[in-house]
């Protein structure tokens, strides 16, 4: 009897232990299943429906804003190409107008980009728990929109530095050419013994060099101006020496004085250091102007391409959405049509 009792006790313990193991196994399986169906995964999409819906309206608005922004960037590119054409044809009035319009538009693009960026950073659900509130598709859409708006960074600064630099370079070209002609006219008048009139003409040439110095300082922000500075300095020295000679001649009242002799020596020395002409410098300045605008146009086109690509991706339906398969089929048909070559009617 005691043996039978011990046997029953052992059997009872085994049954109880098996029941405990079964309960624990079922509970563990439930925990694993729960962990495999977290919010933001396809198996628990219902957990992010509210968060996705709240963010969707703001993302739709940002998409419209980005589309308009892409149009502004495209317009800025048109202004850049127009400025480059005006530069090549030396149409400085059109160049100045294009640069001014581009500056206004570039500033507007920068302002609009900042507004869109702020809207995207304040989407409903944004924060450390957004992975629990949004689906991966919503997060990816927000990140793509942020990358798109970031692509416009630096457009305003680039336009200001390079396009304005091109305008400065061309104004300098005009000033330097006009200075040569004016200083030459002053020297011709002096050789006719009209010293007072020569001084007035020379003063105009000297004023041009002062303007050139101001423009040179502005250009120094983007390019090396050492050659330009040397040219201006040598012409300033010569104009001053020639003016001193004319003044000494007028003061001598027909007599050769020591002041006249000293002034004549100084004028000859300064003339020896003058560049033969401004042709080389004008070519350098023209290249600086074209190079600056070329960089702007290239940069704008690269930005437009990145922005448009992002907008296209934002506009494309997600796989599985209504219209996705139709669009894909249409694209395939278009590709097949392109590969087929010219139609019979086209020869």
C-alpha atoms as a PDB file:
ATOM      1  CA  UNK A   1       0.000   0.000   0.000  1.00  0.00           C
ATOM      2  CA  UNK A   2       2.710   2.503   0.849  1.00  0.00           C
ATOM      3  CA  UNK A   3       4.406   1.691  -2.461  1.00  0.00           C
ATOM      4  CA  UNK A   4       1.216   2.362  -4.375  1.00  0.00           C
ATOM      5  CA  UNK A   5       0.794   5.723  -2.585  1.00  0.00           C
ATOM      6  CA  UNK A   6       4.304   6.842  -3.484  1.00  0.00           C
ATOM      7  CA  UNK A   7       3.700   5.883  -7.115  1.00  0.00           C
ATOM      8  CA  UNK A   8       0.518   7.941  -7.285  1.00  0.00           C
ATOM      9  CA  UNK A   9       2.257  10.930  -5.711  1.00  0.00           C
ATOM     10  CA  UNK A  10       5.052  10.796  -8.312  1.00  0.00           C
ATOM     11  CA  UNK A  11       2.565  10.494 -11.135  1.00  0.00           C
ATOM     12  CA  UNK A  12       0.628  13.467  -9.823  1.00  0.00           C
ATOM     13  CA  UNK A  13       3.801  15.599  -9.630  1.00  0.00           C
ATOM     14  CA  UNK A  14       4.760  14.683 -13.196  1.00  0.00           C
ATOM     15  CA  UNK A  15       1.333  15.688 -14.481  1.00  0.00           C
ATOM     16  CA  UNK A  16       1.460  19.017 -12.623  1.00  0.00           C
ATOM     17  CA  UNK A  17       4.968  19.765 -13.966  1.00  0.00           C
ATOM     18  CA  UNK A  18       3.892  19.039 -17.529  1.00  0.00           C
ATOM     19  CA  UNK A  19       0.942  21.397 -17.133  1.00  0.00           C
ATOM     20  CA  UNK A  20       3.267  24.168 -15.867  1.00  0.00           C
ATOM     21  CA  UNK A  21       5.642  23.677 -18.815  1.00  0.00           C
ATOM     22  CA  UNK A  22       2.729  23.833 -21.243  1.00  0.00           C
ATOM     23  CA  UNK A  23       1.412  27.065 -19.720  1.00  0.00           C
ATOM     24  CA  UNK A  24       4.849  28.690 -19.844  1.00  0.00           C
ATOM     25  CA  UNK A  25       5.332  27.601 -23.476  1.00  0.00           C
ATOM     26  CA  UNK A  26       2.003  29.083 -24.517  1.00  0.00           C
ATOM     27  CA  UNK A  27       2.804  32.343 -22.737  1.00  0.00           C
ATOM     28  CA  UNK A  28       6.233  32.572 -24.393  1.00  0.00           C
ATOM     29  CA  UNK A  29       4.729  32.008 -27.809  1.00  0.00           C
ATOM     30  CA  UNK A  30       2.250  34.804 -27.170  1.00  0.00           C
ATOM     31  CA  UNK A  31       5.072  37.139 -26.136  1.00  0.00           C
ATOM     32  CA  UNK A  32       7.048  36.351 -29.277  1.00  0.00           C
ATOM     33  CA  UNK A  33       3.966  36.920 -31.415  1.00  0.00           C
ATOM     34  CA  UNK A  34       3.335  40.239 -29.718  1.00  0.00           C
ATOM     35  CA  UNK A  35       6.943  41.342 -30.270  1.00  0.00           C
ATOM     36  CA  UNK A  36       6.725  40.369 -33.925  1.00  0.00           C
ATOM     37  CA  UNK A  37       3.698  42.613 -34.453  1.00  0.00           C
ATOM     38  CA  UNK A  38       4.923  45.978 -33.197  1.00  0.00           C
ATOM     39  CA  UNK A  39       3.344  49.259 -34.289  1.00  0.00           C
ATOM     40  CA  UNK A  40       4.687  50.437 -37.615  1.00  0.00           C
ATOM     41  CA  UNK A  41       4.868  46.960 -39.156  1.00  0.00           C
ATOM     42  CA  UNK A  42       2.483  45.615 -41.816  1.00  0.00           C
ATOM     43  CA  UNK A  43       1.073  43.040 -39.393  1.00  0.00           C
ATOM     44  CA  UNK A  44      -0.051  45.806 -37.023  1.00  0.00           C
ATOM     45  CA  UNK A  45      -0.789  48.609 -39.470  1.00  0.00           C
ATOM     46  CA  UNK A  46      -3.909  49.541 -37.538  1.00  0.00           C
ATOM     47  CA  UNK A  47      -1.711  50.837 -34.715  1.00  0.00           C
ATOM     48  CA  UNK A  48      -0.275  53.666 -36.891  1.00  0.00           C
ATOM     49  CA  UNK A  49      -3.380  54.579 -38.890  1.00  0.00           C
ATOM     50  CA  UNK A  50      -4.121  57.619 -36.741  1.00  0.00           C
ATOM     51  CA  UNK A  51      -0.530  58.859 -36.725  1.00  0.00           C
ATOM     52  CA  UNK A  52      -0.131  58.337 -40.479  1.00  0.00           C
ATOM     53  CA  UNK A  53      -3.368  60.198 -41.171  1.00  0.00           C
ATOM     54  CA  UNK A  54      -2.336  63.129 -38.972  1.00  0.00           C
ATOM     55  CA  UNK A  55       1.018  63.439 -40.753  1.00  0.00           C
ATOM     56  CA  UNK A  56      -0.379  62.839 -44.243  1.00  0.00           C
ATOM     57  CA  UNK A  57      -2.158  66.188 -44.552  1.00  0.00           C
ATOM     58  CA  UNK A  58       1.013  68.115 -43.652  1.00  0.00           C
ATOM     59  CA  UNK A  59       3.107  65.948 -45.971  1.00  0.00           C
ATOM     60  CA  UNK A  60       0.658  66.522 -48.833  1.00  0.00           C
ATOM     61  CA  UNK A  61       0.947  70.279 -48.280  1.00  0.00           C
ATOM     62  CA  UNK A  62       4.744  70.061 -48.176  1.00  0.00           C
ATOM     63  CA  UNK A  63       4.684  68.120 -51.445  1.00  0.00           C
ATOM     64  CA  UNK A  64       2.717  70.919 -53.136  1.00  0.00           C
ATOM     65  CA  UNK A  65       5.169  73.480 -51.727  1.00  0.00           C
ATOM     66  CA  UNK A  66       8.134  71.465 -53.002  1.00  0.00           C
ATOM     67  CA  UNK A  67       6.570  71.305 -56.467  1.00  0.00           C
ATOM     68  CA  UNK A  68       6.255  75.108 -56.506  1.00  0.00           C
ATOM     69  CA  UNK A  69       9.797  75.393 -55.161  1.00  0.00           C
ATOM     70  CA  UNK A  70      11.086  73.272 -58.045  1.00  0.00           C
ATOM     71  CA  UNK A  71       9.421  75.700 -60.477  1.00  0.00           C
ATOM     72  CA  UNK A  72      11.154  78.648 -58.772  1.00  0.00           C
ATOM     73  CA  UNK A  73      14.531  76.922 -59.047  1.00  0.00           C
ATOM     74  CA  UNK A  74      13.857  76.245 -62.731  1.00  0.00           C
ATOM     75  CA  UNK A  75      13.048  79.939 -63.228  1.00  0.00           C
ATOM     76  CA  UNK A  76      16.287  80.882 -61.462  1.00  0.00           C
ATOM     77  CA  UNK A  77      18.160  78.690 -63.926  1.00  0.00           C
ATOM     78  CA  UNK A  78      16.502  80.525 -66.813  1.00  0.00           C
ATOM     79  CA  UNK A  79      17.640  83.853 -65.342  1.00  0.00           C
ATOM     80  CA  UNK A  80      21.170  82.510 -65.008  1.00  0.00           C
ATOM     81  CA  UNK A  81      21.280  81.411 -68.623  1.00  0.00           C
ATOM     82  CA  UNK A  82      19.823  84.757 -69.710  1.00  0.00           C
ATOM     83  CA  UNK A  83      22.491  86.613 -67.738  1.00  0.00           C
ATOM     84  CA  UNK A  84      25.188  84.497 -69.361  1.00  0.00           C
ATOM     85  CA  UNK A  85      23.839  85.293 -72.831  1.00  0.00           C
ATOM     86  CA  UNK A  86      23.742  89.010 -72.004  1.00  0.00           C
ATOM     87  CA  UNK A  87      27.304  88.809 -70.707  1.00  0.00           C
ATOM     88  CA  UNK A  88      28.610  87.214 -73.883  1.00  0.00           C
ATOM     89  CA  UNK A  89      26.876  89.870 -76.016  1.00  0.00           C
ATOM     90  CA  UNK A  90      28.037  92.690 -73.667  1.00  0.00           C
ATOM     91  CA  UNK A  91      24.409  93.678 -73.026  1.00  0.00           C
ATOM     92  CA  UNK A  92      25.114  95.047 -69.556  1.00  0.00           C
ATOM     93  CA  UNK A  93      21.619  96.487 -69.028  1.00  0.00           C
ATOM     94  CA  UNK A  94      20.046  93.061 -69.519  1.00  0.00           C
ATOM     95  CA  UNK A  95      22.790  91.482 -67.413  1.00  0.00           C
ATOM     96  CA  UNK A  96      22.131  93.837 -64.497  1.00  0.00           C
ATOM     97  CA  UNK A  97      18.371  93.232 -64.711  1.00  0.00           C
ATOM     98  CA  UNK A  98      18.829  89.440 -64.747  1.00  0.00           C
ATOM     99  CA  UNK A  99      21.199  89.569 -61.781  1.00  0.00           C
ATOM    100  CA  UNK A 100      18.781  91.735 -59.783  1.00  0.00           C
ATOM    101  CA  UNK A 101      15.801  89.486 -60.588  1.00  0.00           C
ATOM    102  CA  UNK A 102      17.840  86.425 -59.741  1.00  0.00           C
ATOM    103  CA  UNK A 103      18.874  87.888 -56.403  1.00  0.00           C
ATOM    104  CA  UNK A 104      15.233  88.518 -55.481  1.00  0.00           C
ATOM    105  CA  UNK A 105      14.161  85.038 -56.574  1.00  0.00           C
ATOM    106  CA  UNK A 106      17.080  83.302 -54.843  1.00  0.00           C
ATOM    107  CA  UNK A 107      16.165  85.068 -51.594  1.00  0.00           C
ATOM    108  CA  UNK A 108      12.532  83.975 -51.991  1.00  0.00           C
ATOM    109  CA  UNK A 109      13.648  80.376 -52.589  1.00  0.00           C
ATOM    110  CA  UNK A 110      15.743  80.458 -49.435  1.00  0.00           C
ATOM    111  CA  UNK A 111      12.814  81.836 -47.395  1.00  0.00           C
ATOM    112  CA  UNK A 112      10.334  79.288 -48.770  1.00  0.00           C
ATOM    113  CA  UNK A 113      12.799  76.436 -48.160  1.00  0.00           C
ATOM    114  CA  UNK A 114      13.137  77.459 -44.516  1.00  0.00           C
ATOM    115  CA  UNK A 115       9.346  77.511 -44.101  1.00  0.00           C
ATOM    116  CA  UNK A 116       8.926  74.043 -45.619  1.00  0.00           C
ATOM    117  CA  UNK A 117      11.758  72.713 -43.457  1.00  0.00           C
ATOM    118  CA  UNK A 118      10.075  74.049 -40.315  1.00  0.00           C
ATOM    119  CA  UNK A 119       6.745  72.494 -41.304  1.00  0.00           C
ATOM    120  CA  UNK A 120       8.369  69.098 -41.854  1.00  0.00           C
ATOM    121  CA  UNK A 121      10.133  69.217 -38.505  1.00  0.00           C
ATOM    122  CA  UNK A 122       6.838  69.926 -36.747  1.00  0.00           C
ATOM    123  CA  UNK A 123       4.757  67.151 -38.307  1.00  0.00           C
ATOM    124  CA  UNK A 124       2.156  65.663 -35.922  1.00  0.00           C
ATOM    125  CA  UNK A 125       3.844  62.707 -34.228  1.00  0.00           C
ATOM    126  CA  UNK A 126       7.410  63.984 -34.649  1.00  0.00           C
ATOM    127  CA  UNK A 127       9.621  63.016 -31.751  1.00  0.00           C
ATOM    128  CA  UNK A 128      11.460  60.150 -30.085  1.00  0.00           C
ATOM    129  CA  UNK A 129       8.381  57.896 -30.319  1.00  0.00           C
ATOM    130  CA  UNK A 130       7.597  58.551 -33.980  1.00  0.00           C
ATOM    131  CA  UNK A 131       8.568  54.961 -34.888  1.00  0.00           C
ATOM    132  CA  UNK A 132       5.588  53.855 -32.782  1.00  0.00           C
ATOM    133  CA  UNK A 133       3.222  56.463 -34.240  1.00  0.00           C
ATOM    134  CA  UNK A 134       4.118  56.362 -37.949  1.00  0.00           C
ATOM    135  CA  UNK A 135       4.480  53.585 -40.462  1.00  0.00           C
ATOM    136  CA  UNK A 136       7.876  53.222 -42.183  1.00  0.00           C
ATOM    137  CA  UNK A 137       6.286  54.723 -45.310  1.00  0.00           C
ATOM    138  CA  UNK A 138       5.385  57.949 -43.498  1.00  0.00           C
ATOM    139  CA  UNK A 139       8.868  58.233 -41.987  1.00  0.00           C
ATOM    140  CA  UNK A 140      10.477  57.634 -45.389  1.00  0.00           C
ATOM    141  CA  UNK A 141       8.235  60.240 -47.013  1.00  0.00           C
ATOM    142  CA  UNK A 142       9.137  62.835 -44.361  1.00  0.00           C
ATOM    143  CA  UNK A 143      12.871  62.091 -44.742  1.00  0.00           C
ATOM    144  CA  UNK A 144      12.659  62.347 -48.527  1.00  0.00           C
ATOM    145  CA  UNK A 145      10.923  65.723 -48.276  1.00  0.00           C
ATOM    146  CA  UNK A 146      13.584  66.997 -45.857  1.00  0.00           C
ATOM    147  CA  UNK A 147      16.348  65.870 -48.209  1.00  0.00           C
ATOM    148  CA  UNK A 148      14.600  67.634 -51.101  1.00  0.00           C
ATOM    149  CA  UNK A 149      14.345  70.964 -49.318  1.00  0.00           C
ATOM    150  CA  UNK A 150      17.938  70.668 -48.093  1.00  0.00           C
ATOM    151  CA  UNK A 151      19.133  70.526 -51.706  1.00  0.00           C
ATOM    152  CA  UNK A 152      18.306  74.229 -52.177  1.00  0.00           C
ATOM    153  CA  UNK A 153      20.717  75.327 -49.468  1.00  0.00           C
ATOM    154  CA  UNK A 154      23.332  77.834 -50.619  1.00  0.00           C
ATOM    155  CA  UNK A 155      21.592  79.021 -53.790  1.00  0.00           C
ATOM    156  CA  UNK A 156      21.184  82.583 -52.560  1.00  0.00           C
ATOM    157  CA  UNK A 157      24.795  82.829 -51.390  1.00  0.00           C
ATOM    158  CA  UNK A 158      26.108  81.338 -54.642  1.00  0.00           C
ATOM    159  CA  UNK A 159      24.073  83.775 -56.742  1.00  0.00           C
ATOM    160  CA  UNK A 160      25.189  86.748 -54.654  1.00  0.00           C
ATOM    161  CA  UNK A 161      28.885  85.945 -54.826  1.00  0.00           C
ATOM    162  CA  UNK A 162      29.269  84.708 -58.365  1.00  0.00           C
ATOM    163  CA  UNK A 163      26.563  86.464 -60.394  1.00  0.00           C
ATOM    164  CA  UNK A 164      27.266  89.797 -58.709  1.00  0.00           C
ATOM    165  CA  UNK A 165      30.966  89.136 -59.221  1.00  0.00           C
ATOM    166  CA  UNK A 166      30.328  88.743 -62.926  1.00  0.00           C
ATOM    167  CA  UNK A 167      28.564  92.099 -63.026  1.00  0.00           C
ATOM    168  CA  UNK A 168      31.463  93.720 -61.191  1.00  0.00           C
ATOM    169  CA  UNK A 169      33.969  92.185 -63.586  1.00  0.00           C
ATOM    170  CA  UNK A 170      32.143  93.609 -66.583  1.00  0.00           C
ATOM    171  CA  UNK A 171      31.774  97.053 -65.055  1.00  0.00           C
ATOM    172  CA  UNK A 172      35.498  96.978 -64.393  1.00  0.00           C
ATOM    173  CA  UNK A 173      36.131  96.099 -68.012  1.00  0.00           C
ATOM    174  CA  UNK A 174      34.117  99.116 -69.108  1.00  0.00           C
ATOM    175  CA  UNK A 175      35.852 101.410 -66.616  1.00  0.00           C
ATOM    176  CA  UNK A 176      39.354 100.312 -67.567  1.00  0.00           C
ATOM    177  CA  UNK A 177      38.685 100.675 -71.278  1.00  0.00           C
ATOM    178  CA  UNK A 178      37.116 104.104 -70.797  1.00  0.00           C
ATOM    179  CA  UNK A 179      40.005 105.163 -68.561  1.00  0.00           C
ATOM    180  CA  UNK A 180      42.545 104.360 -71.249  1.00  0.00           C
ATOM    181  CA  UNK A 181      40.591 106.379 -73.789  1.00  0.00           C
ATOM    182  CA  UNK A 182      40.094 109.327 -71.395  1.00  0.00           C
ATOM    183  CA  UNK A 183      43.713 109.407 -70.222  1.00  0.00           C
ATOM    184  CA  UNK A 184      44.822 109.277 -73.861  1.00  0.00           C
ATOM    185  CA  UNK A 185      42.571 112.241 -74.641  1.00  0.00           C
ATOM    186  CA  UNK A 186      44.109 114.159 -71.714  1.00  0.00           C
ATOM    187  CA  UNK A 187      47.626 113.502 -73.022  1.00  0.00           C
ATOM    188  CA  UNK A 188      46.612 114.601 -76.535  1.00  0.00           C
ATOM    189  CA  UNK A 189      45.158 117.829 -75.145  1.00  0.00           C
ATOM    190  CA  UNK A 190      48.352 118.457 -73.150  1.00  0.00           C
ATOM    191  CA  UNK A 191      50.472 118.072 -76.260  1.00  0.00           C
ATOM    192  CA  UNK A 192      48.367 120.854 -77.759  1.00  0.00           C
ATOM    193  CA  UNK A 193      49.549 123.028 -74.828  1.00  0.00           C
ATOM    194  CA  UNK A 194      46.008 123.191 -73.406  1.00  0.00           C
ATOM    195  CA  UNK A 195      47.172 122.181 -69.937  1.00  0.00           C
ATOM    196  CA  UNK A 196      44.186 123.423 -67.936  1.00  0.00           C
ATOM    197  CA  UNK A 197      41.774 121.542 -70.205  1.00  0.00           C
ATOM    198  CA  UNK A 198      44.039 118.470 -70.056  1.00  0.00           C
ATOM    199  CA  UNK A 199      43.886 118.533 -66.246  1.00  0.00           C
ATOM    200  CA  UNK A 200      40.083 118.495 -66.297  1.00  0.00           C
ATOM    201  CA  UNK A 201      40.028 115.517 -68.651  1.00  0.00           C
ATOM    202  CA  UNK A 202      42.655 113.752 -66.563  1.00  0.00           C
ATOM    203  CA  UNK A 203      40.572 114.296 -63.422  1.00  0.00           C
ATOM    204  CA  UNK A 204      37.770 112.331 -65.075  1.00  0.00           C
ATOM    205  CA  UNK A 205      40.179 109.479 -65.808  1.00  0.00           C
ATOM    206  CA  UNK A 206      41.403 109.524 -62.193  1.00  0.00           C
ATOM    207  CA  UNK A 207      37.822 109.317 -60.917  1.00  0.00           C
ATOM    208  CA  UNK A 208      37.340 106.198 -63.040  1.00  0.00           C
ATOM    209  CA  UNK A 209      40.283 104.571 -61.294  1.00  0.00           C
ATOM    210  CA  UNK A 210      38.768 105.360 -57.895  1.00  0.00           C
ATOM    211  CA  UNK A 211      35.586 103.619 -58.991  1.00  0.00           C
ATOM    212  CA  UNK A 212      37.687 100.718 -60.243  1.00  0.00           C
ATOM    213  CA  UNK A 213      39.284 100.366 -56.795  1.00  0.00           C
ATOM    214  CA  UNK A 214      35.867 100.043 -55.150  1.00  0.00           C
ATOM    215  CA  UNK A 215      34.775  97.402 -57.648  1.00  0.00           C
ATOM    216  CA  UNK A 216      38.111  95.628 -57.288  1.00  0.00           C
ATOM    217  CA  UNK A 217      37.526  95.324 -53.528  1.00  0.00           C
ATOM    218  CA  UNK A 218      34.112  93.741 -54.163  1.00  0.00           C
ATOM    219  CA  UNK A 219      35.581  91.287 -56.673  1.00  0.00           C
ATOM    220  CA  UNK A 220      38.298  90.279 -54.205  1.00  0.00           C
ATOM    221  CA  UNK A 221      35.686  88.229 -52.307  1.00  0.00           C
ATOM    222  CA  UNK A 222      35.625  85.595 -55.038  1.00  0.00           C
ATOM    223  CA  UNK A 223      38.777  85.790 -57.197  1.00  0.00           C
ATOM    224  CA  UNK A 224      42.454  86.706 -57.117  1.00  0.00           C
ATOM    225  CA  UNK A 225      42.771  90.429 -57.945  1.00  0.00           C
ATOM    226  CA  UNK A 226      46.551  90.820 -57.676  1.00  0.00           C
ATOM    227  CA  UNK A 227      47.021  91.484 -61.416  1.00  0.00           C
ATOM    228  CA  UNK A 228      44.127  93.938 -61.426  1.00  0.00           C
ATOM    229  CA  UNK A 229      45.525  95.751 -58.381  1.00  0.00           C
ATOM    230  CA  UNK A 230      48.933  96.089 -60.019  1.00  0.00           C
ATOM    231  CA  UNK A 231      47.366  97.515 -63.176  1.00  0.00           C
ATOM    232  CA  UNK A 232      45.279 100.051 -61.238  1.00  0.00           C
ATOM    233  CA  UNK A 233      48.204 101.130 -59.036  1.00  0.00           C
ATOM    234  CA  UNK A 234      50.494 101.761 -62.002  1.00  0.00           C
ATOM    235  CA  UNK A 235      47.851 103.826 -63.799  1.00  0.00           C
ATOM    236  CA  UNK A 236      47.130 105.790 -60.622  1.00  0.00           C
ATOM    237  CA  UNK A 237      50.845 106.609 -60.353  1.00  0.00           C
ATOM    238  CA  UNK A 238      51.062 107.654 -63.986  1.00  0.00           C
ATOM    239  CA  UNK A 239      47.925 109.825 -63.893  1.00  0.00           C
ATOM    240  CA  UNK A 240      49.245 111.562 -60.777  1.00  0.00           C
ATOM    241  CA  UNK A 241      52.643 112.137 -62.382  1.00  0.00           C
ATOM    242  CA  UNK A 242      51.082 113.545 -65.560  1.00  0.00           C
ATOM    243  CA  UNK A 243      48.832 115.853 -63.537  1.00  0.00           C
ATOM    244  CA  UNK A 244      51.843 117.074 -61.549  1.00  0.00           C
ATOM    245  CA  UNK A 245      53.673 117.850 -64.803  1.00  0.00           C
ATOM    246  CA  UNK A 246      50.737 119.858 -66.163  1.00  0.00           C
ATOM    247  CA  UNK A 247      50.408 121.798 -62.915  1.00  0.00           C
ATOM    248  CA  UNK A 248      54.126 122.566 -62.818  1.00  0.00           C
ATOM    249  CA  UNK A 249      53.997 123.713 -66.429  1.00  0.00           C
ATOM    250  CA  UNK A 250      51.085 126.047 -65.722  1.00  0.00           C
ATOM    251  CA  UNK A 251      52.856 127.391 -62.641  1.00  0.00           C
ATOM    252  CA  UNK A 252      56.059 128.033 -64.648  1.00  0.00           C
ATOM    253  CA  UNK A 253      54.231 130.476 -66.930  1.00  0.00           C
ATOM    254  CA  UNK A 254      56.398 129.650 -69.942  1.00  0.00           C
ATOM    255  CA  UNK A 255      59.635 129.139 -68.024  1.00  0.00           C
ATOM    256  CA  UNK A 256      61.403 125.823 -67.476  1.00  0.00           C
ATOM    257  CA  UNK A 257      61.626 125.451 -63.718  1.00  0.00           C
ATOM    258  CA  UNK A 258      63.173 122.797 -61.483  1.00  0.00           C
ATOM    259  CA  UNK A 259      59.681 121.670 -60.538  1.00  0.00           C
ATOM    260  CA  UNK A 260      58.921 121.120 -64.213  1.00  0.00           C
ATOM    261  CA  UNK A 261      62.120 119.131 -64.737  1.00  0.00           C
ATOM    262  CA  UNK A 262      61.451 116.938 -61.697  1.00  0.00           C
ATOM    263  CA  UNK A 263      57.858 116.412 -62.789  1.00  0.00           C
ATOM    264  CA  UNK A 264      58.976 115.478 -66.325  1.00  0.00           C
ATOM    265  CA  UNK A 265      61.399 112.848 -64.942  1.00  0.00           C
ATOM    266  CA  UNK A 266      58.684 111.394 -62.681  1.00  0.00           C
ATOM    267  CA  UNK A 267      56.179 111.273 -65.555  1.00  0.00           C
ATOM    268  CA  UNK A 268      58.661 109.446 -67.819  1.00  0.00           C
ATOM    269  CA  UNK A 269      59.513 106.936 -65.086  1.00  0.00           C
ATOM    270  CA  UNK A 270      55.835 106.234 -64.349  1.00  0.00           C
ATOM    271  CA  UNK A 271      55.095 105.839 -68.064  1.00  0.00           C
ATOM    272  CA  UNK A 272      57.820 103.208 -68.384  1.00  0.00           C
ATOM    273  CA  UNK A 273      56.023 101.061 -65.799  1.00  0.00           C
ATOM    274  CA  UNK A 274      52.644 101.283 -67.521  1.00  0.00           C
ATOM    275  CA  UNK A 275      51.251  98.154 -69.201  1.00  0.00           C
ATOM    276  CA  UNK A 276      51.272  98.557 -72.962  1.00  0.00           C
ATOM    277  CA  UNK A 277      47.446  98.204 -73.089  1.00  0.00           C
ATOM    278  CA  UNK A 278      44.486  96.719 -71.229  1.00  0.00           C
ATOM    279  CA  UNK A 279      43.741  93.926 -73.704  1.00  0.00           C
ATOM    280  CA  UNK A 280      45.126  91.125 -71.516  1.00  0.00           C
ATOM    281  CA  UNK A 281      43.377  92.426 -68.415  1.00  0.00           C
ATOM    282  CA  UNK A 282      40.053  92.787 -70.217  1.00  0.00           C
ATOM    283  CA  UNK A 283      40.298  89.158 -71.354  1.00  0.00           C
ATOM    284  CA  UNK A 284      41.003  88.030 -67.788  1.00  0.00           C
ATOM    285  CA  UNK A 285      38.039  89.983 -66.447  1.00  0.00           C
ATOM    286  CA  UNK A 286      35.735  88.610 -69.135  1.00  0.00           C
ATOM    287  CA  UNK A 287      36.757  85.054 -68.258  1.00  0.00           C
ATOM    288  CA  UNK A 288      36.152  85.783 -64.579  1.00  0.00           C
ATOM    289  CA  UNK A 289      32.654  87.004 -65.396  1.00  0.00           C
ATOM    290  CA  UNK A 290      31.746  84.039 -67.580  1.00  0.00           C
ATOM    291  CA  UNK A 291      33.310  81.569 -65.157  1.00  0.00           C
ATOM    292  CA  UNK A 292      31.304  82.974 -62.265  1.00  0.00           C
ATOM    293  CA  UNK A 293      27.981  82.775 -64.070  1.00  0.00           C
ATOM    294  CA  UNK A 294      28.786  79.323 -65.451  1.00  0.00           C
ATOM    295  CA  UNK A 295      29.287  78.040 -61.907  1.00  0.00           C
ATOM    296  CA  UNK A 296      25.968  79.549 -60.838  1.00  0.00           C
ATOM    297  CA  UNK A 297      24.058  78.010 -63.762  1.00  0.00           C
ATOM    298  CA  UNK A 298      25.614  74.578 -63.223  1.00  0.00           C
ATOM    299  CA  UNK A 299      24.850  74.690 -59.498  1.00  0.00           C
ATOM    300  CA  UNK A 300      21.236  75.697 -60.118  1.00  0.00           C
ATOM    301  CA  UNK A 301      20.720  72.901 -62.642  1.00  0.00           C
ATOM    302  CA  UNK A 302      22.129  70.327 -60.222  1.00  0.00           C
ATOM    303  CA  UNK A 303      19.815  71.592 -57.478  1.00  0.00           C
ATOM    304  CA  UNK A 304      16.800  71.556 -59.806  1.00  0.00           C
ATOM    305  CA  UNK A 305      17.529  67.959 -60.833  1.00  0.00           C
ATOM    306  CA  UNK A 306      17.785  66.771 -57.211  1.00  0.00           C
ATOM    307  CA  UNK A 307      14.650  68.637 -56.187  1.00  0.00           C
ATOM    308  CA  UNK A 308      12.603  67.402 -59.129  1.00  0.00           C
ATOM    309  CA  UNK A 309      13.716  63.811 -58.569  1.00  0.00           C
ATOM    310  CA  UNK A 310      12.583  64.018 -54.940  1.00  0.00           C
ATOM    311  CA  UNK A 311       9.225  65.536 -55.948  1.00  0.00           C
ATOM    312  CA  UNK A 312       8.720  62.771 -58.504  1.00  0.00           C
ATOM    313  CA  UNK A 313       9.407  60.121 -55.866  1.00  0.00           C
ATOM    314  CA  UNK A 314       7.006  61.792 -53.448  1.00  0.00           C
ATOM    315  CA  UNK A 315       4.324  61.884 -56.132  1.00  0.00           C
ATOM    316  CA  UNK A 316       4.750  58.246 -57.151  1.00  0.00           C
ATOM    317  CA  UNK A 317       2.181  55.852 -55.606  1.00  0.00           C
ATOM    318  CA  UNK A 318       3.492  53.316 -53.138  1.00  0.00           C
ATOM    319  CA  UNK A 319       3.544  49.652 -54.268  1.00  0.00           C
ATOM    320  CA  UNK A 320       0.100  48.205 -53.694  1.00  0.00           C
ATOM    321  CA  UNK A 321      -1.690  51.571 -53.856  1.00  0.00           C
ATOM    322  CA  UNK A 322      -4.428  52.130 -56.465  1.00  0.00           C
ATOM    323  CA  UNK A 323      -2.857  53.300 -59.717  1.00  0.00           C
ATOM    324  CA  UNK A 324       0.584  51.869 -59.022  1.00  0.00           C
ATOM    325  CA  UNK A 325       0.230  48.889 -61.333  1.00  0.00           C
ATOM    326  CA  UNK A 326      -1.461  50.994 -64.008  1.00  0.00           C
ATOM    327  CA  UNK A 327       1.350  53.552 -63.938  1.00  0.00           C
ATOM    328  CA  UNK A 328       3.938  50.818 -64.122  1.00  0.00           C
ATOM    329  CA  UNK A 329       2.142  49.266 -67.076  1.00  0.00           C
ATOM    330  CA  UNK A 330       1.908  52.606 -68.838  1.00  0.00           C
ATOM    331  CA  UNK A 331       5.609  53.150 -68.257  1.00  0.00           C
ATOM    332  CA  UNK A 332       6.416  49.726 -69.640  1.00  0.00           C
ATOM    333  CA  UNK A 333       4.251  50.372 -72.694  1.00  0.00           C
ATOM    334  CA  UNK A 334       5.987  53.706 -73.258  1.00  0.00           C
ATOM    335  CA  UNK A 335       9.359  52.035 -72.989  1.00  0.00           C
ATOM    336  CA  UNK A 336       8.321  49.332 -75.425  1.00  0.00           C
ATOM    337  CA  UNK A 337       7.108  52.002 -77.828  1.00  0.00           C
ATOM    338  CA  UNK A 338      10.412  53.852 -77.596  1.00  0.00           C
ATOM    339  CA  UNK A 339      12.383  50.673 -78.198  1.00  0.00           C
ATOM    340  CA  UNK A 340      10.317  49.857 -81.252  1.00  0.00           C
ATOM    341  CA  UNK A 341      11.905  52.710 -83.162  1.00  0.00           C
ATOM    342  CA  UNK A 342      10.259  55.192 -85.574  1.00  0.00           C
ATOM    343  CA  UNK A 343       6.718  54.520 -86.693  1.00  0.00           C
ATOM    344  CA  UNK A 344       6.137  53.545 -90.327  1.00  0.00           C
ATOM    345  CA  UNK A 345       4.626  56.938 -91.036  1.00  0.00           C
ATOM    346  CA  UNK A 346       7.859  58.514 -89.877  1.00  0.00           C
ATOM    347  CA  UNK A 347       9.790  56.711 -92.556  1.00  0.00           C
END
